[in-house]
Amino acid sequence: MRKFIYAILICSFLIVGCEDSDNFVNTPQNVDGLSLLGLVNGRTLVYIQTDTTIDIETFAITVTETNQSVLITGTGDDWIIHRGTDKLINLKVGTSSVIQNGYWKEINGLDSLIYFASPPLIMERSLNSNLEWEFFTPFYRPDTTAMFLPFYYANFGYNAVKEYVGIETIITPAGEFDSYKFDLLLYSTAFGSEPIASVSEYFVPQIGLVKQEIKIGSLSRSLVLANYTD
């Protein structure tokens, strides 16, 4: 069933891509997947987040626009992704992949790293046209807020299938980029046949995530890079 879903997604993408074939390349350039994450100590990325919710019963469409700030800190093989200034997730860099080895939570007034027993694989270091992998990110429910929806590597509570699609030109307020596109299908269980959510992510070497599109139930969310600083 999942392969059937993949086929539909790929065919739909190719049909759209035919309108502007010069902006899409099927084979990856010689790039280390690590560079796509833009792991630079002190880097701040500011996104325009647009949430669109459709209420079928009242036929009402609500659009909300906010700014989201991501701070990256770390060095070597140990990195922290902050939501604003609050620590969110921890990344570990290996020779062949980058994993999300845990999340941060305040315990007794101190920032504490909660480790995952089976860390999700966030990015392969070697890209190829047939690249696809599966992973599970355990649930995370902060004490005072609802569970995060998928946000900048953090797909809390989902089984995910991630596929490298190709290179596509993206225009954002921060500039025009040749980006590496990945599609994710998120499932509520490892045995789910229908995805709960779908995500498209666009990464640029040495910068990081420049665009993310999410569809989950009645909510459509987009993150577009507005600016970034080192």
Protein backbone atom coordinates (compact mmCIF):
# COMPACT_ATOMS: atom_id res chain seq x y z
CA MET A 1 0.00 0.00 0.00
CA ARG A 2 2.83 2.38 0.87
CA LYS A 3 4.53 1.76 -2.48
CA PHE A 4 1.24 2.64 -4.18
CA ILE A 5 1.15 5.92 -2.25
CA TYR A 6 4.76 6.63 -3.23
CA ALA A 7 3.89 6.05 -6.88
CA ILE A 8 1.02 8.55 -6.72
CA LEU A 9 3.23 11.16 -5.05
CA ILE A 10 6.04 10.70 -7.54
CA CYS A 11 3.72 10.80 -10.56
CA SER A 12 2.03 13.95 -9.24
CA PHE A 13 5.40 15.60 -8.73
CA LEU A 14 6.59 14.71 -12.23
CA ILE A 15 3.43 16.11 -13.80
CA VAL A 16 3.90 19.42 -11.99
CA GLY A 17 7.62 19.42 -12.76
CA CYS A 18 6.98 19.19 -16.51
CA GLU A 19 5.83 22.80 -16.45
CA ASP A 20 9.30 23.95 -15.43
CA SER A 21 11.68 21.08 -16.13
CA ASP A 22 14.77 23.31 -16.11
CA ASN A 23 14.38 23.76 -12.33
CA PHE A 24 14.47 20.07 -11.45
CA VAL A 25 17.33 17.57 -11.59
CA ASN A 26 16.75 13.88 -10.84
CA THR A 27 20.31 13.04 -9.77
CA PRO A 28 22.08 14.58 -6.76
CA GLN A 29 25.23 16.61 -7.04
CA ASN A 30 28.29 15.46 -5.11
CA VAL A 31 27.23 16.76 -1.70
CA ASP A 32 27.48 15.43 1.84
CA GLY A 33 23.99 15.19 3.35
CA LEU A 34 25.41 16.69 6.54
CA SER A 35 25.93 20.03 4.78
CA LEU A 36 22.18 20.22 4.09
CA LEU A 37 21.45 20.63 7.80
CA GLY A 38 23.40 23.89 8.05
CA LEU A 39 24.96 23.03 11.40
CA VAL A 40 26.85 26.20 12.24
CA ASN A 41 27.33 27.22 15.88
CA GLY A 42 25.29 30.32 16.66
CA ARG A 43 23.30 30.27 13.44
CA THR A 44 19.79 31.72 13.61
CA LEU A 45 17.16 31.02 10.98
CA VAL A 46 13.89 32.97 10.91
CA TYR A 47 10.89 31.47 9.15
CA ILE A 48 7.53 32.82 8.10
CA GLN A 49 5.01 30.22 9.27
CA THR A 50 1.62 30.18 7.59
CA ASP A 51 -1.13 27.98 9.02
CA THR A 52 -4.25 27.41 6.95
CA THR A 53 -7.16 25.58 8.59
CA ILE A 54 -10.34 24.59 6.77
CA ASP A 55 -13.56 24.02 8.74
CA ILE A 56 -15.66 21.80 6.49
CA GLU A 57 -18.84 22.20 8.56
CA THR A 58 -18.91 26.00 8.33
CA PHE A 59 -16.86 26.27 5.11
CA ALA A 60 -14.56 28.69 6.93
CA ILE A 61 -10.89 29.14 6.08
CA THR A 62 -8.58 30.58 8.72
CA VAL A 63 -5.09 31.76 7.81
CA THR A 64 -2.59 32.68 10.51
CA GLU A 65 0.90 34.00 9.86
CA THR A 66 3.64 34.07 12.50
CA ASN A 67 7.43 34.12 12.68
CA GLN A 68 9.41 31.15 14.02
CA SER A 69 13.05 31.39 15.06
CA VAL A 70 15.49 28.46 15.09
CA LEU A 71 18.87 28.65 16.80
CA ILE A 72 21.61 26.08 16.18
CA THR A 73 24.42 25.54 18.66
CA GLY A 74 27.13 22.92 18.96
CA THR A 75 30.39 21.65 17.57
CA GLY A 76 31.87 18.47 16.11
CA ASP A 77 29.38 15.62 16.32
CA ASP A 78 27.04 17.11 18.97
CA TRP A 79 24.42 19.72 18.02
CA ILE A 80 21.34 21.30 19.59
CA ILE A 81 18.36 22.69 17.69
CA HIS A 82 16.53 25.40 19.62
CA ARG A 83 12.98 26.61 19.07
CA GLY A 84 13.66 30.26 19.66
CA THR A 85 16.12 30.08 22.56
CA ASP A 86 14.53 27.00 24.17
CA LYS A 87 16.42 23.76 23.58
CA LEU A 88 14.33 21.31 21.58
CA ILE A 89 16.25 18.39 20.09
CA ASN A 90 19.76 16.98 20.03
CA LEU A 91 21.57 15.73 16.92
CA LYS A 92 24.55 13.38 16.69
CA VAL A 93 26.73 13.25 13.58
CA GLY A 94 28.15 9.90 12.48
CA THR A 95 30.28 8.84 9.54
CA SER A 96 27.30 7.72 7.46
CA SER A 97 24.28 9.53 8.94
CA VAL A 98 22.91 12.15 11.32
CA ILE A 99 20.58 10.95 14.07
CA GLN A 100 18.23 12.68 16.48
CA ASN A 101 19.44 11.10 19.70
CA GLY A 102 17.07 12.86 22.12
CA TYR A 103 15.10 15.91 23.16
CA TRP A 104 15.56 18.55 25.84
CA LYS A 105 13.22 19.11 28.77
CA GLU A 106 13.42 21.28 31.88
CA ILE A 107 13.56 19.15 35.04
CA ASN A 108 13.79 20.85 38.46
CA GLY A 109 14.76 24.07 36.74
CA LEU A 110 17.60 22.50 34.75
CA ASP A 111 17.84 21.69 31.03
CA SER A 112 17.99 17.91 30.75
CA LEU A 113 18.61 15.75 27.70
CA ILE A 114 16.19 12.82 27.40
CA TYR A 115 17.74 10.13 25.20
CA PHE A 116 15.89 8.00 22.66
CA ALA A 117 16.48 4.25 22.91
CA SER A 118 16.28 3.97 19.11
CA PRO A 119 17.37 7.32 17.65
CA PRO A 120 15.59 8.43 14.45
CA LEU A 121 17.81 8.78 11.39
CA ILE A 122 17.44 12.39 10.28
CA MET A 123 19.76 12.55 7.27
CA GLU A 124 21.93 10.16 5.30
CA ARG A 125 25.42 11.45 4.54
CA SER A 126 25.42 9.94 1.02
CA LEU A 127 22.56 10.95 -1.29
CA ASN A 128 21.35 8.96 -4.29
CA SER A 129 18.27 8.88 -6.50
CA ASN A 130 16.92 5.71 -4.82
CA LEU A 131 17.43 6.94 -1.25
CA GLU A 132 14.58 6.08 1.11
CA TRP A 133 14.48 5.11 4.79
CA GLU A 134 12.07 4.64 7.69
CA PHE A 135 12.30 5.79 11.31
CA PHE A 136 10.19 6.40 14.42
CA THR A 137 10.35 9.45 16.66
CA PRO A 138 8.95 8.72 20.15
CA PHE A 139 6.19 10.86 21.64
CA TYR A 140 7.10 14.06 23.40
CA ARG A 141 4.48 15.91 25.42
CA PRO A 142 5.77 19.05 27.15
CA ASP A 143 4.16 19.75 30.50
CA THR A 144 2.43 22.99 29.53
CA THR A 145 1.93 22.84 25.76
CA ALA A 146 0.42 20.51 23.21
CA MET A 147 2.63 18.03 21.37
CA PHE A 148 4.64 19.72 18.64
CA LEU A 149 3.53 19.19 15.09
CA PRO A 150 6.38 18.27 12.71
CA PHE A 151 8.92 21.08 12.99
CA TYR A 152 12.51 21.26 11.79
CA TYR A 153 13.60 17.62 12.09
CA ALA A 154 11.21 16.89 15.01
CA ASN A 155 8.42 14.53 13.92
CA PHE A 156 7.38 13.58 17.44
CA GLY A 157 5.07 10.58 17.76
CA TYR A 158 5.20 9.39 14.16
CA ASN A 159 6.54 6.52 12.13
CA ALA A 160 8.04 8.16 9.05
CA VAL A 161 9.11 7.16 5.58
CA LYS A 162 11.55 9.67 4.12
CA GLU A 163 12.51 9.81 0.45
CA TYR A 164 15.03 11.92 -1.42
CA VAL A 165 13.24 13.39 -4.43
CA GLY A 166 15.75 15.58 -6.26
CA ILE A 167 17.02 19.13 -6.72
CA GLU A 168 14.54 21.96 -7.16
CA THR A 169 14.87 25.74 -7.36
CA ILE A 170 13.11 27.51 -4.48
CA ILE A 171 12.43 31.24 -4.18
CA THR A 172 12.13 32.54 -0.62
CA PRO A 173 12.33 35.97 1.05
CA ALA A 174 15.91 34.99 1.96
CA GLY A 175 16.84 34.43 -1.69
CA GLU A 176 16.66 31.94 -4.56
CA PHE A 177 18.27 28.55 -3.96
CA ASP A 178 18.87 25.21 -5.65
CA SER A 179 17.51 22.99 -2.90
CA TYR A 180 17.46 19.28 -2.14
CA LYS A 181 13.91 18.05 -1.70
CA PHE A 182 12.79 15.26 0.64
CA ASP A 183 9.24 13.93 1.03
CA LEU A 184 8.00 12.36 4.26
CA LEU A 185 4.91 10.30 4.93
CA LEU A 186 4.01 10.14 8.61
CA TYR A 187 2.03 7.25 10.10
CA SER A 188 0.40 6.83 13.51
CA THR A 189 1.76 3.27 13.84
CA ALA A 190 4.36 1.11 12.14
CA PHE A 191 1.52 -0.86 10.57
CA GLY A 192 -0.53 2.10 9.34
CA SER A 193 -1.61 1.90 5.72
CA GLU A 194 -2.70 5.53 5.33
CA PRO A 195 -0.43 8.45 6.24
CA ILE A 196 -1.60 10.82 8.97
CA ALA A 197 0.47 13.65 7.53
CA SER A 198 2.70 14.44 4.57
CA VAL A 199 5.72 16.74 4.65
CA SER A 200 7.99 18.17 1.97
CA GLU A 201 11.32 19.62 3.06
CA TYR A 202 13.79 21.66 1.02
CA PHE A 203 17.41 21.93 2.19
CA VAL A 204 20.28 24.04 0.86
CA PRO A 205 23.94 23.08 1.46
CA GLN A 206 25.64 25.12 4.20
CA ILE A 207 22.36 26.93 5.02
CA GLY A 208 19.85 24.34 6.17
CA LEU A 209 16.09 24.09 5.82
CA VAL A 210 14.73 26.81 3.52
CA LYS A 211 11.17 25.59 3.10
CA GLN A 212 8.83 23.04 4.66
CA GLU A 213 5.27 22.16 3.67
CA ILE A 214 3.03 20.11 5.96
CA LYS A 215 -0.43 18.68 5.46
CA ILE A 216 -2.01 17.12 8.55
CA GLY A 217 -5.78 16.72 8.71
CA SER A 218 -7.48 20.08 8.17
CA LEU A 219 -4.23 21.96 8.74
CA SER A 220 -1.81 23.03 6.03
CA ARG A 221 1.40 24.59 7.34
CA SER A 222 4.30 26.15 5.50
CA LEU A 223 7.63 27.39 6.78
CA VAL A 224 9.62 29.64 4.45
CA LEU A 225 13.03 31.04 5.29
CA ALA A 226 12.89 34.83 5.74
CA ASN A 227 16.52 35.37 6.73
CA TYR A 228 19.45 33.72 8.47
CA THR A 229 22.56 34.87 10.31
CA ASP A 230 25.70 33.18 11.62
